[in-house]
Amino acid sequence: MKKETETTEVTEETTGAGVIAPIVATAAAIFAFWWLGKYSTFCERDIVGTAITVWCAVLIRVLMWAE
């Protein structure tokens, strides 16, 4: 007796958020870097760390919102 197995393909739809999220996050990080550089008394290392944190937070937020 021959047993046949059925395979189903699962295709994920790519949403625009996967493309938009890094762009929005980069723009937010650039703005944070510029704004802190202009108006802050933080040292440069703190400003870079803050910009990276903003980038990660915005990226996560946009990707969570997209789902």
N, C-alpha and C. Protein backbone atom coordinates (compact mmCIF):
# COMPACT_ATOMS: atom_id res chain seq x y z
N MET A 1 0.85 -1.18 0.00
CA MET A 1 0.00 0.00 0.00
C MET A 1 0.89 1.24 0.00
N LYS A 2 0.62 2.14 -0.89
CA LYS A 2 1.42 3.35 -1.04
C LYS A 2 0.77 4.49 -0.27
N LYS A 3 1.55 5.14 0.55
CA LYS A 3 1.02 6.24 1.36
C LYS A 3 1.47 7.57 0.75
N GLU A 4 0.53 8.40 0.44
CA GLU A 4 0.85 9.70 -0.13
C GLU A 4 0.72 10.77 0.95
N THR A 5 1.66 11.63 0.96
CA THR A 5 1.59 12.74 1.91
C THR A 5 1.35 14.03 1.14
N GLU A 6 0.54 14.81 1.71
CA GLU A 6 0.20 16.08 1.07
C GLU A 6 1.02 17.19 1.71
N THR A 7 1.65 17.96 0.90
CA THR A 7 2.42 19.09 1.43
C THR A 7 1.71 20.38 1.08
N THR A 8 1.71 21.24 2.04
CA THR A 8 1.10 22.54 1.80
C THR A 8 2.17 23.60 1.93
N GLU A 9 2.18 24.51 1.02
CA GLU A 9 3.15 25.60 1.08
C GLU A 9 2.53 26.79 1.79
N VAL A 10 3.29 27.33 2.69
CA VAL A 10 2.84 28.52 3.40
C VAL A 10 3.64 29.69 2.87
N THR A 11 2.94 30.62 2.30
CA THR A 11 3.62 31.80 1.78
C THR A 11 3.26 32.98 2.65
N GLU A 12 4.29 33.71 3.03
CA GLU A 12 4.05 34.89 3.85
C GLU A 12 3.92 36.10 2.93
N GLU A 13 2.92 36.87 3.21
CA GLU A 13 2.76 38.09 2.45
C GLU A 13 3.70 39.15 3.02
N THR A 14 4.42 39.77 2.13
CA THR A 14 5.31 40.82 2.60
C THR A 14 4.52 42.12 2.65
N THR A 15 4.57 42.75 3.79
CA THR A 15 3.86 44.00 3.94
C THR A 15 4.82 45.15 3.72
N GLY A 16 4.28 46.31 3.53
CA GLY A 16 5.10 47.49 3.34
C GLY A 16 5.85 47.87 4.59
N ALA A 17 5.41 47.39 5.74
CA ALA A 17 6.06 47.75 7.00
C ALA A 17 7.47 47.20 7.08
N GLY A 18 7.70 46.06 6.48
CA GLY A 18 9.05 45.50 6.47
C GLY A 18 10.02 46.38 5.72
N VAL A 19 9.51 47.13 4.77
CA VAL A 19 10.34 48.06 4.00
C VAL A 19 10.38 49.42 4.66
N ILE A 20 9.25 49.84 5.19
CA ILE A 20 9.13 51.19 5.76
C ILE A 20 9.81 51.31 7.12
N ALA A 21 9.78 50.25 7.92
CA ALA A 21 10.29 50.32 9.29
C ALA A 21 11.74 50.79 9.38
N PRO A 22 12.68 50.22 8.60
CA PRO A 22 14.06 50.71 8.72
C PRO A 22 14.22 52.16 8.29
N ILE A 23 13.42 52.59 7.32
CA ILE A 23 13.49 53.98 6.84
C ILE A 23 13.02 54.93 7.93
N VAL A 24 11.88 54.61 8.53
CA VAL A 24 11.34 55.45 9.62
C VAL A 24 12.29 55.46 10.81
N ALA A 25 12.84 54.30 11.15
CA ALA A 25 13.76 54.21 12.28
C ALA A 25 15.03 55.02 12.03
N THR A 26 15.54 54.96 10.80
CA THR A 26 16.73 55.72 10.46
C THR A 26 16.47 57.21 10.52
N ALA A 27 15.32 57.64 10.01
CA ALA A 27 14.97 59.06 10.06
C ALA A 27 14.83 59.53 11.50
N ALA A 28 14.22 58.71 12.36
CA ALA A 28 14.06 59.08 13.76
C ALA A 28 15.40 59.17 14.46
N ALA A 29 16.30 58.24 14.16
CA ALA A 29 17.63 58.25 14.78
C ALA A 29 18.45 59.46 14.32
N ILE A 30 18.35 59.79 13.04
CA ILE A 30 19.06 60.98 12.53
C ILE A 30 18.52 62.23 13.20
N PHE A 31 17.20 62.32 13.32
CA PHE A 31 16.60 63.48 13.99
C PHE A 31 17.05 63.56 15.45
N ALA A 32 17.05 62.41 16.15
CA ALA A 32 17.48 62.40 17.55
C ALA A 32 18.95 62.81 17.66
N PHE A 33 19.79 62.32 16.77
CA PHE A 33 21.21 62.67 16.78
C PHE A 33 21.39 64.17 16.54
N TRP A 34 20.68 64.70 15.54
CA TRP A 34 20.78 66.13 15.22
C TRP A 34 20.28 66.98 16.38
N TRP A 35 19.10 66.63 16.90
CA TRP A 35 18.49 67.43 17.96
C TRP A 35 19.34 67.42 19.22
N LEU A 36 19.81 66.24 19.62
CA LEU A 36 20.65 66.15 20.81
C LEU A 36 21.99 66.85 20.60
N GLY A 37 22.53 66.74 19.40
CA GLY A 37 23.79 67.41 19.10
C GLY A 37 23.67 68.92 19.16
N LYS A 38 22.50 69.42 18.82
CA LYS A 38 22.29 70.87 18.78
C LYS A 38 21.92 71.43 20.15
N TYR A 39 21.06 70.73 20.88
CA TYR A 39 20.49 71.30 22.09
C TYR A 39 20.93 70.63 23.39
N SER A 40 21.80 69.63 23.32
CA SER A 40 22.11 68.86 24.51
C SER A 40 23.51 69.14 25.03
N THR A 41 23.69 68.87 26.31
CA THR A 41 25.03 68.97 26.90
C THR A 41 25.63 67.58 27.09
N PHE A 42 24.97 66.53 26.53
CA PHE A 42 25.51 65.18 26.58
C PHE A 42 26.84 65.13 25.83
N CYS A 43 27.68 64.19 26.20
CA CYS A 43 28.90 63.99 25.42
C CYS A 43 28.53 63.21 24.15
N GLU A 44 29.45 63.21 23.21
CA GLU A 44 29.17 62.61 21.90
C GLU A 44 28.82 61.13 22.00
N ARG A 45 29.48 60.41 22.89
CA ARG A 45 29.22 58.98 23.06
C ARG A 45 27.79 58.73 23.52
N ASP A 46 27.29 59.59 24.42
CA ASP A 46 25.91 59.45 24.90
C ASP A 46 24.91 59.73 23.79
N ILE A 47 25.23 60.70 22.94
CA ILE A 47 24.32 61.04 21.84
C ILE A 47 24.24 59.88 20.85
N VAL A 48 25.36 59.27 20.53
CA VAL A 48 25.37 58.13 19.60
C VAL A 48 24.59 56.96 20.21
N GLY A 49 24.79 56.70 21.48
CA GLY A 49 24.06 55.63 22.15
C GLY A 49 22.57 55.88 22.17
N THR A 50 22.19 57.13 22.40
CA THR A 50 20.78 57.48 22.39
C THR A 50 20.18 57.32 21.00
N ALA A 51 20.91 57.73 19.96
CA ALA A 51 20.43 57.59 18.58
C ALA A 51 20.24 56.12 18.22
N ILE A 52 21.17 55.26 18.65
CA ILE A 52 21.03 53.82 18.38
C ILE A 52 19.82 53.25 19.11
N THR A 53 19.63 53.68 20.35
CA THR A 53 18.47 53.22 21.13
C THR A 53 17.17 53.65 20.47
N VAL A 54 17.12 54.89 20.01
CA VAL A 54 15.92 55.40 19.31
C VAL A 54 15.67 54.58 18.06
N TRP A 55 16.73 54.28 17.29
CA TRP A 55 16.58 53.51 16.06
C TRP A 55 15.96 52.15 16.36
N CYS A 56 16.49 51.47 17.37
CA CYS A 56 15.97 50.14 17.72
C CYS A 56 14.53 50.21 18.21
N ALA A 57 14.23 51.20 19.03
CA ALA A 57 12.88 51.34 19.58
C ALA A 57 11.86 51.61 18.47
N VAL A 58 12.20 52.50 17.56
CA VAL A 58 11.27 52.83 16.47
C VAL A 58 11.09 51.63 15.54
N LEU A 59 12.18 50.93 15.24
CA LEU A 59 12.09 49.76 14.37
C LEU A 59 11.17 48.70 14.97
N ILE A 60 11.37 48.41 16.24
CA ILE A 60 10.53 47.42 16.93
C ILE A 60 9.08 47.88 16.96
N ARG A 61 8.87 49.14 17.24
CA ARG A 61 7.51 49.67 17.34
C ARG A 61 6.77 49.57 16.00
N VAL A 62 7.43 49.95 14.91
CA VAL A 62 6.79 49.90 13.60
C VAL A 62 6.50 48.45 13.20
N LEU A 63 7.45 47.55 13.46
CA LEU A 63 7.22 46.15 13.10
C LEU A 63 6.10 45.53 13.94
N MET A 64 6.01 45.91 15.22
CA MET A 64 4.91 45.42 16.06
C MET A 64 3.57 45.98 15.58
N TRP A 65 3.57 47.23 15.19
CA TRP A 65 2.35 47.87 14.70
C TRP A 65 1.87 47.21 13.41
N ALA A 66 2.80 46.76 12.58
CA ALA A 66 2.44 46.18 11.30
C ALA A 66 1.74 44.84 11.44
N GLU A 67 2.03 44.12 12.52
CA GLU A 67 1.40 42.82 12.70
C GLU A 67 0.06 43.03 13.30
